[in-house]
Each structure stands twice: as structure tokens, then as C-alpha cells.
Amino acid sequence: MLKSCPLFSNGGNYSDHEIEWYRTQMSEIDQLFITMAEKRKAHISDIQSQIDKLRKDPSTEFNLAYVDSIK
């Protein structure tokens, strides 16, 4: 996007400082997206581990406890 903004020196409407300011702003926004994506991945991983725990078959533990109680 910034490459399409012609500078004053090339007959355009933007100064070097203005382009640099936009570049800084876009960099901050990009970093925000990266941070949010990492947080989302971590949250998804946490949910997946919770799902895996809930999927665990409780009858296995019950059978082991039952066998131990009979002995």
C-alpha cells in the first residue's frame, strides 16, 4: 500500500516522514495481529487438552478400582 503513495519528491502527495509514520502504524497493527493469533493458538490448545481429558473413558479407571477392591 505504501509503495503506491508517491512522495513529494516524485510529484506525489506524501512526505518521507508521513510515509514513515504510516509504516510505523502498520507495523504496530501487524504485531497486534501476530500477538492475538498466538493467544488464540494457546487458547485453542488449552481447549483441545480439556476436550481430550473429557473424552477419556471413565470405565477404565472404574474397572481398575473395582479389581483393586476385590483383591
Protein backbone atom coordinates (compact mmCIF):
# COMPACT_ATOMS: atom_id res chain seq x y z
CA MET A 1 0.00 0.00 0.00
CA LEU A 2 2.73 2.44 0.94
CA LYS A 3 4.53 1.79 -2.35
CA SER A 4 1.53 3.28 -4.15
CA CYS A 5 1.86 6.57 -2.21
CA PRO A 6 4.08 8.86 -4.30
CA LEU A 7 6.45 11.16 -2.43
CA PHE A 8 6.59 14.94 -2.86
CA SER A 9 9.99 14.48 -4.47
CA ASN A 10 8.34 12.37 -7.19
CA GLY A 11 5.43 14.76 -7.71
CA GLY A 12 3.20 12.98 -5.20
CA ASN A 13 1.19 13.95 -2.15
CA TYR A 14 3.22 12.37 0.68
CA SER A 15 6.36 13.31 2.59
CA ASP A 16 9.06 10.89 3.73
CA HIS A 17 8.09 11.50 7.36
CA GLU A 18 4.45 10.80 6.65
CA ILE A 19 5.25 7.51 4.92
CA GLU A 20 7.50 6.51 7.82
CA TRP A 21 4.71 7.33 10.29
CA TYR A 22 2.28 5.15 8.31
CA ARG A 23 4.87 2.37 8.17
CA THR A 24 5.25 2.52 11.98
CA GLN A 25 1.49 2.42 12.47
CA MET A 26 1.12 -0.56 10.16
CA SER A 27 3.97 -2.35 11.91
CA GLU A 28 2.22 -1.91 15.26
CA ILE A 29 -1.02 -3.26 13.81
CA ASP A 30 0.81 -6.24 12.28
CA GLN A 31 2.37 -7.00 15.65
CA LEU A 32 -1.05 -6.81 17.30
CA PHE A 33 -2.39 -9.38 14.81
CA ILE A 34 0.56 -11.68 15.47
CA THR A 35 0.10 -11.41 19.24
CA MET A 36 -3.63 -12.11 19.02
CA ALA A 37 -3.03 -15.10 16.74
CA GLU A 38 -0.53 -16.55 19.25
CA LYS A 39 -3.00 -16.07 22.10
CA ARG A 40 -5.74 -17.70 20.05
CA LYS A 41 -3.49 -20.71 19.30
CA ALA A 42 -2.69 -21.09 23.00
CA HIS A 43 -6.39 -20.87 23.89
CA ILE A 44 -7.26 -23.47 21.25
CA SER A 45 -4.53 -25.74 22.63
CA ASP A 46 -5.95 -25.38 26.15
CA ILE A 47 -9.44 -26.20 24.95
CA GLN A 48 -8.15 -29.20 23.00
CA SER A 49 -6.41 -30.58 26.09
CA GLN A 50 -9.60 -30.13 28.10
CA ILE A 51 -11.55 -31.96 25.40
CA ASP A 52 -9.00 -34.78 25.44
CA LYS A 53 -9.40 -35.12 29.22
CA LEU A 54 -13.18 -35.20 28.91
CA ARG A 55 -13.00 -37.83 26.17
CA LYS A 56 -11.09 -40.16 28.43
CA ASP A 57 -13.10 -43.31 29.09
CA PRO A 58 -14.01 -43.36 32.79
CA SER A 59 -14.78 -47.09 32.70
CA THR A 60 -11.05 -47.92 32.64
CA GLU A 61 -10.47 -46.20 35.96
CA PHE A 62 -13.62 -47.76 37.36
CA ASN A 63 -12.53 -51.25 36.30
CA LEU A 64 -9.09 -50.77 37.86
CA ALA A 65 -10.65 -49.56 41.12
CA TYR A 66 -13.10 -52.46 41.03
CA VAL A 67 -10.31 -55.02 40.53
CA ASP A 68 -8.32 -53.45 43.37
CA SER A 69 -11.33 -53.58 45.68
CA ILE A 70 -11.93 -57.27 45.02
CA LYS A 71 -8.38 -58.27 45.91
